[in-house]
PDB file of N, CA and C in Angstrom:
ATOM      1  N   MET A   1      47.181  31.973  27.240  1.00  0.00           N
ATOM      2  CA  MET A   1      46.781  32.764  28.357  1.00  0.00           C
ATOM      3  C   MET A   1      45.791  32.070  29.140  1.00  0.00           C
ATOM      4  N   SER A   2      46.003  31.981  30.429  1.00  0.00           N
ATOM      5  CA  SER A   2      45.121  31.238  31.408  1.00  0.00           C
ATOM      6  C   SER A   2      43.938  32.089  31.791  1.00  0.00           C
ATOM      7  N   ASN A   3      42.918  31.430  32.187  1.00  0.00           N
ATOM      8  CA  ASN A   3      41.655  32.122  32.667  1.00  0.00           C
ATOM      9  C   ASN A   3      41.926  32.431  34.194  1.00  0.00           C
ATOM     10  N   ILE A   4      41.451  33.642  34.508  1.00  0.00           N
ATOM     11  CA  ILE A   4      41.426  34.057  35.946  1.00  0.00           C
ATOM     12  C   ILE A   4      40.119  33.737  36.575  1.00  0.00           C
ATOM     13  N   ARG A   5      40.228  32.904  37.655  1.00  0.00           N
ATOM     14  CA  ARG A   5      38.983  32.413  38.335  1.00  0.00           C
ATOM     15  C   ARG A   5      39.039  33.024  39.728  1.00  0.00           C
ATOM     16  N   MET A   6      37.831  33.584  39.983  1.00  0.00           N
ATOM     17  CA  MET A   6      37.738  34.215  41.384  1.00  0.00           C
ATOM     18  C   MET A   6      37.231  33.221  42.384  1.00  0.00           C
ATOM     19  N   PRO A   7      37.872  32.973  43.500  1.00  0.00           N
ATOM     20  CA  PRO A   7      37.411  32.173  44.527  1.00  0.00           C
ATOM     21  C   PRO A   7      36.031  32.691  45.010  1.00  0.00           C
ATOM     22  N   GLY A   8      35.072  31.807  45.253  1.00  0.00           N
ATOM     23  CA  GLY A   8      33.751  32.256  45.698  1.00  0.00           C
ATOM     24  C   GLY A   8      32.757  32.466  44.525  1.00  0.00           C
ATOM     25  N   GLY A   9      33.239  32.287  43.261  1.00  0.00           N
ATOM     26  CA  GLY A   9      32.355  32.464  42.143  1.00  0.00           C
ATOM     27  C   GLY A   9      32.048  33.939  41.774  1.00  0.00           C
ATOM     28  N   MET A  10      30.987  34.068  40.976  1.00  0.00           N
ATOM     29  CA  MET A  10      30.672  35.399  40.435  1.00  0.00           C
ATOM     30  C   MET A  10      30.446  36.421  41.552  1.00  0.00           C
ATOM     31  N   GLY A  11      29.795  36.016  42.658  1.00  0.00           N
ATOM     32  CA  GLY A  11      29.398  36.936  43.685  1.00  0.00           C
ATOM     33  C   GLY A  11      30.679  37.478  44.407  1.00  0.00           C
ATOM     34  N   ALA A  12      31.947  36.953  44.115  1.00  0.00           N
ATOM     35  CA  ALA A  12      33.038  37.491  44.710  1.00  0.00           C
ATOM     36  C   ALA A  12      33.406  38.901  44.223  1.00  0.00           C
ATOM     37  N   TRP A  13      32.925  39.170  42.993  1.00  0.00           N
ATOM     38  CA  TRP A  13      33.208  40.567  42.505  1.00  0.00           C
ATOM     39  C   TRP A  13      32.533  41.607  43.300  1.00  0.00           C
ATOM     40  N   LEU A  14      31.510  41.180  44.067  1.00  0.00           N
ATOM     41  CA  LEU A  14      30.907  42.232  44.964  1.00  0.00           C
ATOM     42  C   LEU A  14      31.845  42.645  46.183  1.00  0.00           C
ATOM     43  N   GLN A  15      32.818  41.703  46.460  1.00  0.00           N
ATOM     44  CA  GLN A  15      33.726  41.922  47.572  1.00  0.00           C
ATOM     45  C   GLN A  15      35.143  41.575  47.040  1.00  0.00           C
ATOM     46  N   PRO A  16      35.689  42.416  46.117  1.00  0.00           N
ATOM     47  CA  PRO A  16      36.950  42.111  45.417  1.00  0.00           C
ATOM     48  C   PRO A  16      38.112  41.982  46.360  1.00  0.00           C
ATOM     49  N   ARG A  17      38.072  42.777  47.500  1.00  0.00           N
ATOM     50  CA  ARG A  17      39.330  42.760  48.364  1.00  0.00           C
ATOM     51  C   ARG A  17      39.426  41.327  49.003  1.00  0.00           C
ATOM     52  N   ALA A  18      38.331  40.878  49.520  1.00  0.00           N
ATOM     53  CA  ALA A  18      38.318  39.527  50.208  1.00  0.00           C
ATOM     54  C   ALA A  18      38.588  38.392  49.202  1.00  0.00           C
ATOM     55  N   ALA A  19      37.989  38.423  47.995  1.00  0.00           N
ATOM     56  CA  ALA A  19      38.234  37.537  46.997  1.00  0.00           C
ATOM     57  C   ALA A  19      39.620  37.434  46.521  1.00  0.00           C
ATOM     58  N   ILE A  20      40.238  38.639  46.353  1.00  0.00           N
ATOM     59  CA  ILE A  20      41.668  38.614  45.875  1.00  0.00           C
ATOM     60  C   ILE A  20      42.636  38.143  46.995  1.00  0.00           C
ATOM     61  N   GLN A  21      42.338  38.466  48.225  1.00  0.00           N
ATOM     62  CA  GLN A  21      43.177  37.985  49.278  1.00  0.00           C
ATOM     63  C   GLN A  21      43.086  36.536  49.455  1.00  0.00           C
ATOM     64  N   GLN A  22      42.049  35.836  49.016  1.00  0.00           N
ATOM     65  CA  GLN A  22      41.947  34.332  49.116  1.00  0.00           C
ATOM     66  C   GLN A  22      42.723  33.670  48.021  1.00  0.00           C
ATOM     67  N   MET A  23      43.218  34.318  47.036  1.00  0.00           N
ATOM     68  CA  MET A  23      43.917  33.733  45.921  1.00  0.00           C
ATOM     69  C   MET A  23      45.341  33.286  46.409  1.00  0.00           C
ATOM     70  N   ASN A  24      45.686  32.127  46.003  1.00  0.00           N
ATOM     71  CA  ASN A  24      46.966  31.509  46.429  1.00  0.00           C
ATOM     72  C   ASN A  24      48.110  31.967  45.488  1.00  0.00           C
ATOM     73  N   ASP A  25      47.712  32.315  44.303  1.00  0.00           N
ATOM     74  CA  ASP A  25      48.836  32.571  43.276  1.00  0.00           C
ATOM     75  C   ASP A  25      49.056  34.106  43.283  1.00  0.00           C
ATOM     76  N   ASP A  26      50.247  34.559  43.580  1.00  0.00           N
ATOM     77  CA  ASP A  26      50.598  36.021  43.619  1.00  0.00           C
ATOM     78  C   ASP A  26      50.438  36.563  42.200  1.00  0.00           C
ATOM     79  N   ILE A  27      50.833  35.870  41.253  1.00  0.00           N
ATOM     80  CA  ILE A  27      50.751  36.504  39.888  1.00  0.00           C
ATOM     81  C   ILE A  27      49.275  36.729  39.481  1.00  0.00           C
ATOM     82  N   GLN A  28      48.478  35.693  39.831  1.00  0.00           N
ATOM     83  CA  GLN A  28      47.038  35.851  39.484  1.00  0.00           C
ATOM     84  C   GLN A  28      46.403  36.991  40.371  1.00  0.00           C
ATOM     85  N   ARG A  29      46.792  37.038  41.596  1.00  0.00           N
ATOM     86  CA  ARG A  29      46.329  38.226  42.471  1.00  0.00           C
ATOM     87  C   ARG A  29      46.721  39.516  41.894  1.00  0.00           C
ATOM     88  N   GLU A  30      47.919  39.653  41.469  1.00  0.00           N
ATOM     89  CA  GLU A  30      48.379  40.905  40.964  1.00  0.00           C
ATOM     90  C   GLU A  30      47.627  41.268  39.645  1.00  0.00           C
ATOM     91  N   ALA A  31      47.430  40.235  38.880  1.00  0.00           N
ATOM     92  CA  ALA A  31      46.631  40.496  37.573  1.00  0.00           C
ATOM     93  C   ALA A  31      45.355  41.015  37.712  1.00  0.00           C
ATOM     94  N   VAL A  32      44.599  40.404  38.721  1.00  0.00           N
ATOM     95  CA  VAL A  32      43.194  40.810  39.018  1.00  0.00           C
ATOM     96  C   VAL A  32      43.181  42.241  39.639  1.00  0.00           C
ATOM     97  N   ARG A  33      44.145  42.471  40.547  1.00  0.00           N
ATOM     98  CA  ARG A  33      44.232  43.755  41.193  1.00  0.00           C
ATOM     99  C   ARG A  33      44.448  44.866  40.102  1.00  0.00           C
ATOM    100  N   ARG A  34      45.364  44.590  39.291  1.00  0.00           N
ATOM    101  CA  ARG A  34      45.622  45.661  38.095  1.00  0.00           C
ATOM    102  C   ARG A  34      44.441  45.846  37.235  1.00  0.00           C
ATOM    103  N   LEU A  35      43.647  44.789  36.971  1.00  0.00           N
ATOM    104  CA  LEU A  35      42.529  44.858  36.143  1.00  0.00           C
ATOM    105  C   LEU A  35      41.462  45.662  36.787  1.00  0.00           C
ATOM    106  N   VAL A  36      41.193  45.387  38.090  1.00  0.00           N
ATOM    107  CA  VAL A  36      40.187  46.237  38.856  1.00  0.00           C
ATOM    108  C   VAL A  36      40.646  47.636  38.928  1.00  0.00           C
ATOM    109  N   VAL A  37      41.822  47.903  39.262  1.00  0.00           N
ATOM    110  CA  VAL A  37      42.293  49.288  39.467  1.00  0.00           C
ATOM    111  C   VAL A  37      42.311  50.018  38.026  1.00  0.00           C
ATOM    112  N   ASN A  38      42.853  49.497  37.066  1.00  0.00           N
ATOM    113  CA  ASN A  38      42.872  50.197  35.822  1.00  0.00           C
ATOM    114  C   ASN A  38      41.400  50.418  35.259  1.00  0.00           C
ATOM    115  N   THR A  39      40.464  49.406  35.455  1.00  0.00           N
ATOM    116  CA  THR A  39      39.181  49.584  34.966  1.00  0.00           C
ATOM    117  C   THR A  39      38.526  50.776  35.743  1.00  0.00           C
ATOM    118  N   CYS A  40      38.744  50.721  37.079  1.00  0.00           N
ATOM    119  CA  CYS A  40      38.061  51.852  37.878  1.00  0.00           C
ATOM    120  C   CYS A  40      38.534  53.159  37.450  1.00  0.00           C
ATOM    121  N   TYR A  41      39.899  53.251  37.232  1.00  0.00           N
ATOM    122  CA  TYR A  41      40.456  54.576  36.707  1.00  0.00           C
ATOM    123  C   TYR A  41      39.836  54.999  35.437  1.00  0.00           C
ATOM    124  N   GLU A  42      39.688  54.103  34.556  1.00  0.00           N
ATOM    125  CA  GLU A  42      39.173  54.429  33.160  1.00  0.00           C
ATOM    126  C   GLU A  42      37.684  54.830  33.364  1.00  0.00           C
ATOM    127  N   ILE A  43      36.957  54.217  34.170  1.00  0.00           N
ATOM    128  CA  ILE A  43      35.575  54.581  34.333  1.00  0.00           C
ATOM    129  C   ILE A  43      35.496  56.005  34.960  1.00  0.00           C
ATOM    130  N   ILE A  44      36.237  56.198  35.925  1.00  0.00           N
ATOM    131  CA  ILE A  44      36.257  57.581  36.618  1.00  0.00           C
ATOM    132  C   ILE A  44      36.681  58.636  35.593  1.00  0.00           C
ATOM    133  N   ARG A  45      37.628  58.336  34.833  1.00  0.00           N
ATOM    134  CA  ARG A  45      38.047  59.348  33.886  1.00  0.00           C
ATOM    135  C   ARG A  45      37.109  59.581  32.720  1.00  0.00           C
ATOM    136  N   ASP A  46      36.562  58.467  32.178  1.00  0.00           N
ATOM    137  CA  ASP A  46      35.829  58.575  30.905  1.00  0.00           C
ATOM    138  C   ASP A  46      34.389  58.441  30.917  1.00  0.00           C
ATOM    139  N   CYS A  47      33.747  57.947  31.941  1.00  0.00           N
ATOM    140  CA  CYS A  47      32.248  57.717  31.930  1.00  0.00           C
ATOM    141  C   CYS A  47      31.488  59.065  32.076  1.00  0.00           C
ATOM    142  N   ASP A  48      30.445  59.209  31.360  1.00  0.00           N
ATOM    143  CA  ASP A  48      29.601  60.398  31.412  1.00  0.00           C
ATOM    144  C   ASP A  48      28.603  60.285  32.602  1.00  0.00           C
ATOM    145  N   GLU A  49      28.386  59.087  33.091  1.00  0.00           N
ATOM    146  CA  GLU A  49      27.428  58.892  34.140  1.00  0.00           C
ATOM    147  C   GLU A  49      28.000  59.117  35.520  1.00  0.00           C
ATOM    148  N   PRO A  50      27.535  60.103  36.263  1.00  0.00           N
ATOM    149  CA  PRO A  50      28.119  60.422  37.652  1.00  0.00           C
ATOM    150  C   PRO A  50      27.939  59.158  38.527  1.00  0.00           C
ATOM    151  N   GLU A  51      26.776  58.416  38.457  1.00  0.00           N
ATOM    152  CA  GLU A  51      26.510  57.400  39.356  1.00  0.00           C
ATOM    153  C   GLU A  51      27.519  56.247  39.137  1.00  0.00           C
ATOM    154  N   VAL A  52      27.846  55.992  37.913  1.00  0.00           N
ATOM    155  CA  VAL A  52      28.834  54.962  37.552  1.00  0.00           C
ATOM    156  C   VAL A  52      30.253  55.346  37.997  1.00  0.00           C
ATOM    157  N   ARG A  53      30.535  56.632  37.931  1.00  0.00           N
ATOM    158  CA  ARG A  53      31.873  57.012  38.415  1.00  0.00           C
ATOM    159  C   ARG A  53      31.984  56.965  39.853  1.00  0.00           C
ATOM    160  N   VAL A  54      30.861  57.260  40.591  1.00  0.00           N
ATOM    161  CA  VAL A  54      30.840  57.114  42.006  1.00  0.00           C
ATOM    162  C   VAL A  54      31.083  55.641  42.472  1.00  0.00           C
ATOM    163  N   GLU A  55      30.424  54.791  41.779  1.00  0.00           N
ATOM    164  CA  GLU A  55      30.520  53.340  42.047  1.00  0.00           C
ATOM    165  C   GLU A  55      31.975  52.865  41.807  1.00  0.00           C
ATOM    166  N   ALA A  56      32.529  53.353  40.694  1.00  0.00           N
ATOM    167  CA  ALA A  56      34.014  52.918  40.439  1.00  0.00           C
ATOM    168  C   ALA A  56      34.860  53.475  41.484  1.00  0.00           C
ATOM    169  N   ALA A  57      34.562  54.642  41.937  1.00  0.00           N
ATOM    170  CA  ALA A  57      35.431  55.255  43.025  1.00  0.00           C
ATOM    171  C   ALA A  57      35.302  54.548  44.332  1.00  0.00           C
ATOM    172  N   GLN A  58      34.069  54.051  44.597  1.00  0.00           N
ATOM    173  CA  GLN A  58      33.811  53.299  45.826  1.00  0.00           C
ATOM    174  C   GLN A  58      34.490  51.926  45.817  1.00  0.00           C
ATOM    175  N   LEU A  59      34.434  51.340  44.566  1.00  0.00           N
ATOM    176  CA  LEU A  59      35.144  49.974  44.439  1.00  0.00           C
ATOM    177  C   LEU A  59      36.582  50.159  44.571  1.00  0.00           C
ATOM    178  N   LEU A  60      37.210  51.200  43.920  1.00  0.00           N
ATOM    179  CA  LEU A  60      38.573  51.530  44.128  1.00  0.00           C
ATOM    180  C   LEU A  60      39.031  51.759  45.523  1.00  0.00           C
ATOM    181  N   ALA A  61      38.192  52.452  46.245  1.00  0.00           N
ATOM    182  CA  ALA A  61      38.449  52.778  47.668  1.00  0.00           C
ATOM    183  C   ALA A  61      38.419  51.466  48.426  1.00  0.00           C
ATOM    184  N   GLN A  62      37.472  50.541  48.061  1.00  0.00           N
ATOM    185  CA  GLN A  62      37.445  49.265  48.791  1.00  0.00           C
ATOM    186  C   GLN A  62      38.615  48.375  48.496  1.00  0.00           C
ATOM    187  N   VAL A  63      39.080  48.380  47.245  1.00  0.00           N
ATOM    188  CA  VAL A  63      40.201  47.671  46.834  1.00  0.00           C
ATOM    189  C   VAL A  63      41.532  48.157  47.541  1.00  0.00           C
ATOM    190  N   SER A  64      41.590  49.437  47.677  1.00  0.00           N
ATOM    191  CA  SER A  64      42.728  49.974  48.300  1.00  0.00           C
ATOM    192  C   SER A  64      42.589  50.478  49.750  1.00  0.00           C
ATOM    193  N   ALA A  65      41.678  49.912  50.471  1.00  0.00           N
ATOM    194  CA  ALA A  65      41.315  50.288  51.859  1.00  0.00           C
ATOM    195  C   ALA A  65      42.574  49.993  52.702  1.00  0.00           C
ATOM    196  N   GLY A  66      42.914  50.894  53.586  1.00  0.00           N
ATOM    197  CA  GLY A  66      43.952  50.843  54.532  1.00  0.00           C
ATOM    198  C   GLY A  66      45.231  51.424  53.971  1.00  0.00           C
ATOM    199  N   GLY A  67      45.091  52.140  52.910  1.00  0.00           N
ATOM    200  CA  GLY A  67      46.216  52.951  52.399  1.00  0.00           C
ATOM    201  C   GLY A  67      47.145  52.183  51.422  1.00  0.00           C
ATOM    202  N   ARG A  68      46.833  50.893  51.179  1.00  0.00           N
ATOM    203  CA  ARG A  68      47.673  50.123  50.334  1.00  0.00           C
ATOM    204  C   ARG A  68      46.775  49.280  49.472  1.00  0.00           C
ATOM    205  N   LEU A  69      47.205  48.996  48.215  1.00  0.00           N
ATOM    206  CA  LEU A  69      46.330  48.256  47.410  1.00  0.00           C
ATOM    207  C   LEU A  69      46.540  46.695  47.716  1.00  0.00           C
ATOM    208  N   LEU A  70      45.390  46.140  48.063  1.00  0.00           N
ATOM    209  CA  LEU A  70      45.347  44.725  48.335  1.00  0.00           C
ATOM    210  C   LEU A  70      46.583  44.155  48.908  1.00  0.00           C
TER     211      LEU A  70
END
């Protein structure tokens, strides 16, 4: 299994849409997109802390801005 590397380093996680769009490998881009989306859904569904659920929902909205996922 290969490592997934985000262009722009660790700070790229603060702007996932831009970071994922910079990826050249479609397979890697799809893997990261699925990871972000699935993690956000799990947090929204399972987390007891409302603030964390709101942040996950905001991140999910950022990733899927424009009515389509990345």
